Amino acid sequence: MSLEQIRNVVLLFSNPVWSGANTIPSTLIKNITSLSRSLAYQDTISANLTTLSTTNSETHDGIIRGLLYIPDLSVTDPCYEQQYDIIPRNATTQATLPPSNYNLIALAPWFNATCTRAYLASARLDPIRAFIFYRPNNSTREPQGADSPIWDLEDGDAWRSQNRFPIFAIPGAEGNKMMRQLGLYSGNISQIPFGDQIEQRYEPHDDDFVRIWTELTVKDRDSVPAMWTWILTVVGVVLFIIAWC
């Protein structure tokens, strides 16, 4: 399985808390990117993507979906402060997402083994479907392959199998760009880009929220060989029948 494309859009969700509920799942109200691209972030990445782990990567339609976030780290963890040398302090975490039953897709910088393990441990507690890492640099090149020593977490590669979600890597420049947007879409509607215009056009409740929704298109590398095996089998049967006619 390989990652073929990342697509990011901005969605407007209801927040059930403003109505006094605390367990009702949030409801999608508008796909702002689809309705008005001038008012919302959008991005598609379809090159230089690396697959590091394929655990639980099966999908029904070839797409993994979820709200984009960075896993929460404990304030007592040394990595908590270290991360803010690289990411914005207001980047969306699960703690800043209202109650919902939506799947999540994690994004985080890979800057040392200890903090990467901390991100993965935190993500294992969340309803996560996939994890996207990036090296905190400005590279636009494809990240090194899964067998490269730069992905060594000093655990004998146990991380590749102990996490119940697929793990991918993107170029540093793309990761930095996504993380900046994750910081812009973390507050209430009045604080996000074009918030005033969104409020005027869609009249959301003050406590509704606008967040980044990510879709990962994945491809099963075995699908093409399997198709050709089937075709060759059919051709073989046809030729066999013709030979006996």
C-alpha atoms as a PDB file:
ATOM      1  CA  MET A   1       0.000   0.000   0.000  1.00  0.00           C
ATOM      2  CA  SER A   2       1.245   3.489  -0.772  1.00  0.00           C
ATOM      3  CA  LEU A   3       0.053   7.029  -0.126  1.00  0.00           C
ATOM      4  CA  GLU A   4      -0.897   8.681  -3.425  1.00  0.00           C
ATOM      5  CA  GLN A   5      -2.425  12.010  -2.385  1.00  0.00           C
ATOM      6  CA  ILE A   6      -3.237  14.262   0.569  1.00  0.00           C
ATOM      7  CA  ARG A   7      -6.168  16.642   0.279  1.00  0.00           C
ATOM      8  CA  ASN A   8      -6.962  19.272   2.915  1.00  0.00           C
ATOM      9  CA  VAL A   9     -10.204  21.252   3.069  1.00  0.00           C
ATOM     10  CA  VAL A  10     -11.998  23.347   5.678  1.00  0.00           C
ATOM     11  CA  LEU A  11     -15.313  22.256   7.186  1.00  0.00           C
ATOM     12  CA  LEU A  12     -17.804  23.975   9.482  1.00  0.00           C
ATOM     13  CA  PHE A  13     -19.154  21.748  12.268  1.00  0.00           C
ATOM     14  CA  SER A  14     -21.803  22.307  14.898  1.00  0.00           C
ATOM     15  CA  ASN A  15     -20.697  22.196  18.514  1.00  0.00           C
ATOM     16  CA  PRO A  16     -23.226  20.221  20.601  1.00  0.00           C
ATOM     17  CA  VAL A  17     -21.994  21.831  23.826  1.00  0.00           C
ATOM     18  CA  TRP A  18     -23.654  25.183  23.129  1.00  0.00           C
ATOM     19  CA  SER A  19     -27.055  23.471  23.302  1.00  0.00           C
ATOM     20  CA  GLY A  20     -26.221  21.892  26.635  1.00  0.00           C
ATOM     21  CA  ALA A  21     -25.237  18.469  25.324  1.00  0.00           C
ATOM     22  CA  ASN A  22     -21.943  16.778  26.051  1.00  0.00           C
ATOM     23  CA  THR A  23     -22.225  13.469  24.236  1.00  0.00           C
ATOM     24  CA  ILE A  24     -24.092  14.308  21.027  1.00  0.00           C
ATOM     25  CA  PRO A  25     -21.673  14.020  18.095  1.00  0.00           C
ATOM     26  CA  SER A  26     -20.861  17.169  16.166  1.00  0.00           C
ATOM     27  CA  THR A  27     -22.643  17.576  12.840  1.00  0.00           C
ATOM     28  CA  LEU A  28     -21.151  18.782   9.586  1.00  0.00           C
ATOM     29  CA  ILE A  29     -22.848  22.010   8.526  1.00  0.00           C
ATOM     30  CA  LYS A  30     -20.872  23.244   5.528  1.00  0.00           C
ATOM     31  CA  ASN A  31     -17.876  22.339   3.403  1.00  0.00           C
ATOM     32  CA  ILE A  32     -16.569  25.892   3.229  1.00  0.00           C
ATOM     33  CA  THR A  33     -13.776  25.060   0.799  1.00  0.00           C
ATOM     34  CA  SER A  34     -16.242  23.522  -1.644  1.00  0.00           C
ATOM     35  CA  LEU A  35     -18.751  26.366  -1.358  1.00  0.00           C
ATOM     36  CA  SER A  36     -16.312  29.259  -1.456  1.00  0.00           C
ATOM     37  CA  ARG A  37     -12.642  28.552  -2.066  1.00  0.00           C
ATOM     38  CA  SER A  38     -11.740  32.201  -1.557  1.00  0.00           C
ATOM     39  CA  LEU A  39     -12.773  31.961   2.108  1.00  0.00           C
ATOM     40  CA  ALA A  40     -10.951  28.825   3.180  1.00  0.00           C
ATOM     41  CA  TYR A  41      -7.676  26.945   3.053  1.00  0.00           C
ATOM     42  CA  GLN A  42      -7.314  24.108   0.605  1.00  0.00           C
ATOM     43  CA  ASP A  43      -4.340  22.075  -0.513  1.00  0.00           C
ATOM     44  CA  THR A  44      -3.561  18.943  -2.480  1.00  0.00           C
ATOM     45  CA  ILE A  45      -0.234  17.120  -2.222  1.00  0.00           C
ATOM     46  CA  SER A  46       0.314  14.375  -4.768  1.00  0.00           C
ATOM     47  CA  ALA A  47       4.088  14.024  -5.033  1.00  0.00           C
ATOM     48  CA  ASN A  48       7.037  13.074  -2.827  1.00  0.00           C
ATOM     49  CA  LEU A  49       5.015  11.060  -0.306  1.00  0.00           C
ATOM     50  CA  THR A  50       6.594   8.224   1.685  1.00  0.00           C
ATOM     51  CA  THR A  51       4.872   5.297   3.385  1.00  0.00           C
ATOM     52  CA  LEU A  52       6.579   4.249   6.632  1.00  0.00           C
ATOM     53  CA  SER A  53       4.049   1.732   7.972  1.00  0.00           C
ATOM     54  CA  THR A  54       0.887   0.146   6.549  1.00  0.00           C
ATOM     55  CA  THR A  55      -0.715  -1.240   9.709  1.00  0.00           C
ATOM     56  CA  ASN A  56      -4.540  -1.138   9.500  1.00  0.00           C
ATOM     57  CA  SER A  57      -4.472   0.785   6.240  1.00  0.00           C
ATOM     58  CA  GLU A  58      -7.431  -1.035   4.701  1.00  0.00           C
ATOM     59  CA  THR A  59     -10.221   1.153   3.304  1.00  0.00           C
ATOM     60  CA  HIS A  60     -13.495   0.540   1.476  1.00  0.00           C
ATOM     61  CA  ASP A  61     -12.944   3.212  -1.162  1.00  0.00           C
ATOM     62  CA  GLY A  62      -9.203   3.873  -1.051  1.00  0.00           C
ATOM     63  CA  ILE A  63      -9.532   7.007   1.100  1.00  0.00           C
ATOM     64  CA  ILE A  64      -8.615   7.542   4.769  1.00  0.00           C
ATOM     65  CA  ARG A  65     -10.479  10.516   6.271  1.00  0.00           C
ATOM     66  CA  GLY A  66     -10.357  12.510   9.478  1.00  0.00           C
ATOM     67  CA  LEU A  67      -9.991  15.825  11.276  1.00  0.00           C
ATOM     68  CA  LEU A  68      -6.388  17.008  11.242  1.00  0.00           C
ATOM     69  CA  TYR A  69      -4.718  17.577  14.632  1.00  0.00           C
ATOM     70  CA  ILE A  70      -1.472  17.221  16.546  1.00  0.00           C
ATOM     71  CA  PRO A  71      -1.520  14.714  19.442  1.00  0.00           C
ATOM     72  CA  ASP A  72      -1.554  16.218  22.928  1.00  0.00           C
ATOM     73  CA  LEU A  73       1.579  15.858  25.034  1.00  0.00           C
ATOM     74  CA  SER A  74       1.633  16.078  28.819  1.00  0.00           C
ATOM     75  CA  VAL A  75       2.850  19.443  30.101  1.00  0.00           C
ATOM     76  CA  THR A  76       5.313  17.513  32.283  1.00  0.00           C
ATOM     77  CA  ASP A  77       6.870  15.874  29.228  1.00  0.00           C
ATOM     78  CA  PRO A  78      10.071  17.704  28.162  1.00  0.00           C
ATOM     79  CA  CYS A  79       8.847  17.363  24.570  1.00  0.00           C
ATOM     80  CA  TYR A  80       5.878  19.594  25.391  1.00  0.00           C
ATOM     81  CA  GLU A  81       8.006  22.746  25.383  1.00  0.00           C
ATOM     82  CA  GLN A  82      10.503  21.473  22.821  1.00  0.00           C
ATOM     83  CA  GLN A  83       7.787  21.119  20.199  1.00  0.00           C
ATOM     84  CA  TYR A  84       6.985  24.834  20.334  1.00  0.00           C
ATOM     85  CA  ASP A  85      10.383  25.639  18.883  1.00  0.00           C
ATOM     86  CA  ILE A  86       8.934  24.109  15.704  1.00  0.00           C
ATOM     87  CA  ILE A  87       5.131  24.347  15.754  1.00  0.00           C
ATOM     88  CA  PRO A  88       2.675  27.152  16.626  1.00  0.00           C
ATOM     89  CA  ARG A  89       1.386  27.049  20.187  1.00  0.00           C
ATOM     90  CA  ASN A  90      -2.184  27.248  18.966  1.00  0.00           C
ATOM     91  CA  ALA A  91      -1.994  24.263  16.594  1.00  0.00           C
ATOM     92  CA  THR A  92      -5.164  22.177  16.841  1.00  0.00           C
ATOM     93  CA  THR A  93      -5.001  19.362  19.389  1.00  0.00           C
ATOM     94  CA  GLN A  94      -7.753  16.982  20.399  1.00  0.00           C
ATOM     95  CA  ALA A  95      -8.238  19.125  23.487  1.00  0.00           C
ATOM     96  CA  THR A  96      -9.360  21.985  21.231  1.00  0.00           C
ATOM     97  CA  LEU A  97     -11.849  19.856  19.289  1.00  0.00           C
ATOM     98  CA  PRO A  98     -15.433  19.812  20.607  1.00  0.00           C
ATOM     99  CA  PRO A  99     -17.008  16.439  21.457  1.00  0.00           C
ATOM    100  CA  SER A 100     -17.405  14.381  18.297  1.00  0.00           C
ATOM    101  CA  ASN A 101     -17.200  10.863  16.963  1.00  0.00           C
ATOM    102  CA  TYR A 102     -15.138  11.767  13.904  1.00  0.00           C
ATOM    103  CA  ASN A 103     -11.934   9.955  13.052  1.00  0.00           C
ATOM    104  CA  LEU A 104      -8.674  11.874  13.340  1.00  0.00           C
ATOM    105  CA  ILE A 105      -5.525  12.152  11.257  1.00  0.00           C
ATOM    106  CA  ALA A 106      -2.418  13.215  13.155  1.00  0.00           C
ATOM    107  CA  LEU A 107       0.314  15.568  11.982  1.00  0.00           C
ATOM    108  CA  ALA A 108       3.584  16.100  13.848  1.00  0.00           C
ATOM    109  CA  PRO A 109       7.241  16.996  13.283  1.00  0.00           C
ATOM    110  CA  TRP A 110       9.796  14.197  13.595  1.00  0.00           C
ATOM    111  CA  PHE A 111      12.666  15.988  15.327  1.00  0.00           C
ATOM    112  CA  ASN A 112      14.014  13.351  17.721  1.00  0.00           C
ATOM    113  CA  ALA A 113      13.278   9.764  18.705  1.00  0.00           C
ATOM    114  CA  THR A 114      12.011  10.539  22.207  1.00  0.00           C
ATOM    115  CA  CYS A 115       9.406  13.076  21.126  1.00  0.00           C
ATOM    116  CA  THR A 116       8.279  10.990  18.158  1.00  0.00           C
ATOM    117  CA  ARG A 117       7.620   8.098  20.534  1.00  0.00           C
ATOM    118  CA  ALA A 118       5.653  10.508  22.745  1.00  0.00           C
ATOM    119  CA  TYR A 119       3.489  11.629  19.816  1.00  0.00           C
ATOM    120  CA  LEU A 120       2.804   8.027  18.827  1.00  0.00           C
ATOM    121  CA  ALA A 121       1.944   7.020  22.399  1.00  0.00           C
ATOM    122  CA  SER A 122      -0.524   9.899  22.664  1.00  0.00           C
ATOM    123  CA  ALA A 123      -2.095   9.096  19.292  1.00  0.00           C
ATOM    124  CA  ARG A 124      -2.723   5.499  20.352  1.00  0.00           C
ATOM    125  CA  LEU A 125      -5.280   6.835  22.843  1.00  0.00           C
ATOM    126  CA  ASP A 126      -7.217   8.714  20.134  1.00  0.00           C
ATOM    127  CA  PRO A 127      -9.664   7.600  17.395  1.00  0.00           C
ATOM    128  CA  ILE A 128      -6.896   8.002  14.840  1.00  0.00           C
ATOM    129  CA  ARG A 129      -6.903   6.623  11.295  1.00  0.00           C
ATOM    130  CA  ALA A 130      -3.423   7.688  10.147  1.00  0.00           C
ATOM    131  CA  PHE A 131      -0.325   9.643  11.183  1.00  0.00           C
ATOM    132  CA  ILE A 132       1.624  12.066   8.979  1.00  0.00           C
ATOM    133  CA  PHE A 133       5.163  13.027  10.002  1.00  0.00           C
ATOM    134  CA  TYR A 134       7.586  15.526   8.515  1.00  0.00           C
ATOM    135  CA  ARG A 135      11.164  16.487   9.217  1.00  0.00           C
ATOM    136  CA  PRO A 136      11.231  20.147  10.394  1.00  0.00           C
ATOM    137  CA  ASN A 137      13.149  21.579   7.453  1.00  0.00           C
ATOM    138  CA  ASN A 138      12.296  23.329   4.195  1.00  0.00           C
ATOM    139  CA  SER A 139      12.998  20.376   1.929  1.00  0.00           C
ATOM    140  CA  THR A 140      10.659  19.754  -0.993  1.00  0.00           C
ATOM    141  CA  ARG A 141      12.172  16.356  -1.757  1.00  0.00           C
ATOM    142  CA  GLU A 142      10.559  13.008  -1.099  1.00  0.00           C
ATOM    143  CA  PRO A 143      11.407  11.789   2.418  1.00  0.00           C
ATOM    144  CA  GLN A 144      13.765   8.838   2.627  1.00  0.00           C
ATOM    145  CA  GLY A 145      12.336   5.337   2.429  1.00  0.00           C
ATOM    146  CA  ALA A 146      11.008   3.341   5.353  1.00  0.00           C
ATOM    147  CA  ASP A 147      14.285   1.445   5.759  1.00  0.00           C
ATOM    148  CA  SER A 148      16.360   4.616   6.221  1.00  0.00           C
ATOM    149  CA  PRO A 149      18.124   5.039   9.596  1.00  0.00           C
ATOM    150  CA  ILE A 150      16.600   8.519   9.967  1.00  0.00           C
ATOM    151  CA  TRP A 151      13.381   6.779  11.071  1.00  0.00           C
ATOM    152  CA  ASP A 152      15.102   4.808  13.838  1.00  0.00           C
ATOM    153  CA  LEU A 153      13.270   5.218  17.158  1.00  0.00           C
ATOM    154  CA  GLU A 154      15.766   3.107  19.120  1.00  0.00           C
ATOM    155  CA  ASP A 155      13.172   0.430  19.812  1.00  0.00           C
ATOM    156  CA  GLY A 156      14.205  -2.230  17.334  1.00  0.00           C
ATOM    157  CA  ASP A 157      11.559  -0.978  14.872  1.00  0.00           C
ATOM    158  CA  ALA A 158       8.771  -2.007  17.257  1.00  0.00           C
ATOM    159  CA  TRP A 159       6.956   1.242  16.444  1.00  0.00           C
ATOM    160  CA  ARG A 160       6.134  -0.047  12.969  1.00  0.00           C
ATOM    161  CA  SER A 161       3.938  -2.815  14.353  1.00  0.00           C
ATOM    162  CA  GLN A 162       2.744  -1.595  17.759  1.00  0.00           C
ATOM    163  CA  ASN A 163       0.736   1.333  16.385  1.00  0.00           C
ATOM    164  CA  ARG A 164      -2.712   0.471  15.011  1.00  0.00           C
ATOM    165  CA  PHE A 165      -2.631   3.034  12.205  1.00  0.00           C
ATOM    166  CA  PRO A 166      -0.618   3.612   9.016  1.00  0.00           C
ATOM    167  CA  ILE A 167       2.235   6.117   9.197  1.00  0.00           C
ATOM    168  CA  PHE A 168       3.393   8.377   6.382  1.00  0.00           C
ATOM    169  CA  ALA A 169       6.039  11.053   5.802  1.00  0.00           C
ATOM    170  CA  ILE A 170       5.869  14.207   3.690  1.00  0.00           C
ATOM    171  CA  PRO A 171       8.509  16.803   2.725  1.00  0.00           C
ATOM    172  CA  GLY A 172       9.427  19.307   5.414  1.00  0.00           C
ATOM    173  CA  ALA A 173       8.145  22.257   3.380  1.00  0.00           C
ATOM    174  CA  GLU A 174       4.717  20.637   3.028  1.00  0.00           C
ATOM    175  CA  GLY A 175       4.605  19.673   6.693  1.00  0.00           C
ATOM    176  CA  ASN A 176       5.505  23.180   7.814  1.00  0.00           C
ATOM    177  CA  LYS A 177       2.766  24.601   5.600  1.00  0.00           C
ATOM    178  CA  MET A 178       0.129  22.200   6.941  1.00  0.00           C
ATOM    179  CA  MET A 179       1.171  22.909  10.528  1.00  0.00           C
ATOM    180  CA  ARG A 180       0.885  26.670  10.002  1.00  0.00           C
ATOM    181  CA  GLN A 181      -2.667  26.170   8.769  1.00  0.00           C
ATOM    182  CA  LEU A 182      -3.369  23.926  11.759  1.00  0.00           C
ATOM    183  CA  GLY A 183      -2.493  26.907  13.924  1.00  0.00           C
ATOM    184  CA  LEU A 184      -4.783  29.240  11.979  1.00  0.00           C
ATOM    185  CA  TYR A 185      -7.805  26.927  12.260  1.00  0.00           C
ATOM    186  CA  SER A 186      -7.786  26.192  15.985  1.00  0.00           C
ATOM    187  CA  GLY A 187      -9.708  29.014  17.647  1.00  0.00           C
ATOM    188  CA  ASN A 188     -13.316  30.125  17.443  1.00  0.00           C
ATOM    189  CA  ILE A 189     -14.806  31.330  14.179  1.00  0.00           C
ATOM    190  CA  SER A 190     -13.999  34.999  14.811  1.00  0.00           C
ATOM    191  CA  GLN A 191     -10.288  34.106  15.050  1.00  0.00           C
ATOM    192  CA  ILE A 192      -9.866  32.052  11.872  1.00  0.00           C
ATOM    193  CA  PRO A 193      -8.967  33.441   8.424  1.00  0.00           C
ATOM    194  CA  PHE A 194     -11.960  35.243   6.855  1.00  0.00           C
ATOM    195  CA  GLY A 195     -13.912  34.553  10.049  1.00  0.00           C
ATOM    196  CA  ASP A 196     -16.046  37.693   9.722  1.00  0.00           C
ATOM    197  CA  GLN A 197     -17.047  36.822   6.166  1.00  0.00           C
ATOM    198  CA  ILE A 198     -17.822  33.225   7.115  1.00  0.00           C
ATOM    199  CA  GLU A 199     -20.050  34.450   9.946  1.00  0.00           C
ATOM    200  CA  GLN A 200     -21.911  36.813   7.613  1.00  0.00           C
ATOM    201  CA  ARG A 201     -22.411  34.235   4.891  1.00  0.00           C
ATOM    202  CA  TYR A 202     -23.257  31.094   6.905  1.00  0.00           C
ATOM    203  CA  GLU A 203     -24.499  32.522  10.225  1.00  0.00           C
ATOM    204  CA  PRO A 204     -22.979  29.817  12.435  1.00  0.00           C
ATOM    205  CA  HIS A 205     -23.479  29.691  16.185  1.00  0.00           C
ATOM    206  CA  ASP A 206     -20.716  31.399  18.159  1.00  0.00           C
ATOM    207  CA  ASP A 207     -19.577  28.045  19.553  1.00  0.00           C
ATOM    208  CA  ASP A 208     -19.521  26.145  16.270  1.00  0.00           C
ATOM    209  CA  PHE A 209     -16.073  25.391  14.947  1.00  0.00           C
ATOM    210  CA  VAL A 210     -14.156  25.412  11.687  1.00  0.00           C
ATOM    211  CA  ARG A 211     -11.413  22.839  11.311  1.00  0.00           C
ATOM    212  CA  ILE A 212      -9.221  21.191   8.689  1.00  0.00           C
ATOM    213  CA  TRP A 213     -10.477  17.913   7.240  1.00  0.00           C
ATOM    214  CA  THR A 214      -7.898  15.657   5.603  1.00  0.00           C
ATOM    215  CA  GLU A 215      -8.364  12.895   3.052  1.00  0.00           C
ATOM    216  CA  LEU A 216      -5.561  10.463   2.216  1.00  0.00           C
ATOM    217  CA  THR A 217      -5.839   8.554  -1.043  1.00  0.00           C
ATOM    218  CA  VAL A 218      -4.036   5.230  -0.766  1.00  0.00           C
ATOM    219  CA  LYS A 219      -3.341   2.572  -3.357  1.00  0.00           C
ATOM    220  CA  ASP A 220      -2.874  -1.129  -2.866  1.00  0.00           C
ATOM    221  CA  ARG A 221       0.311  -2.040  -4.703  1.00  0.00           C
ATOM    222  CA  ASP A 222      -0.981  -5.587  -5.185  1.00  0.00           C
ATOM    223  CA  SER A 223      -4.178  -4.488  -6.927  1.00  0.00           C
ATOM    224  CA  VAL A 224      -2.606  -4.141 -10.383  1.00  0.00           C
ATOM    225  CA  PRO A 225      -0.740  -7.479 -10.348  1.00  0.00           C
ATOM    226  CA  ALA A 226      -3.880  -9.168  -9.043  1.00  0.00           C
ATOM    227  CA  MET A 227      -5.892  -7.719 -11.921  1.00  0.00           C
ATOM    228  CA  TRP A 228      -3.380  -8.925 -14.478  1.00  0.00           C
ATOM    229  CA  THR A 229      -3.342 -12.368 -12.891  1.00  0.00           C
ATOM    230  CA  TRP A 230      -7.101 -12.533 -13.332  1.00  0.00           C
ATOM    231  CA  ILE A 231      -6.886 -11.311 -16.944  1.00  0.00           C
ATOM    232  CA  LEU A 232      -4.177 -13.823 -17.832  1.00  0.00           C
ATOM    233  CA  THR A 233      -6.210 -16.595 -16.239  1.00  0.00           C
ATOM    234  CA  VAL A 234      -9.242 -15.695 -18.339  1.00  0.00           C
ATOM    235  CA  VAL A 235      -7.122 -15.494 -21.504  1.00  0.00           C
ATOM    236  CA  GLY A 236      -5.610 -18.870 -20.717  1.00  0.00           C
ATOM    237  CA  VAL A 237      -9.024 -20.455 -20.321  1.00  0.00           C
ATOM    238  CA  VAL A 238     -10.217 -18.937 -23.612  1.00  0.00           C
ATOM    239  CA  LEU A 239      -7.145 -20.195 -25.483  1.00  0.00           C
ATOM    240  CA  PHE A 240      -7.610 -23.639 -23.955  1.00  0.00           C
ATOM    241  CA  ILE A 241     -11.228 -23.757 -25.150  1.00  0.00           C
ATOM    242  CA  ILE A 242     -10.229 -22.568 -28.649  1.00  0.00           C
ATOM    243  CA  ALA A 243      -7.511 -25.214 -28.860  1.00  0.00           C
ATOM    244  CA  TRP A 244     -10.057 -27.962 -28.187  1.00  0.00           C
ATOM    245  CA  CYS A 245     -12.664 -26.658 -30.587  1.00  0.00           C
END
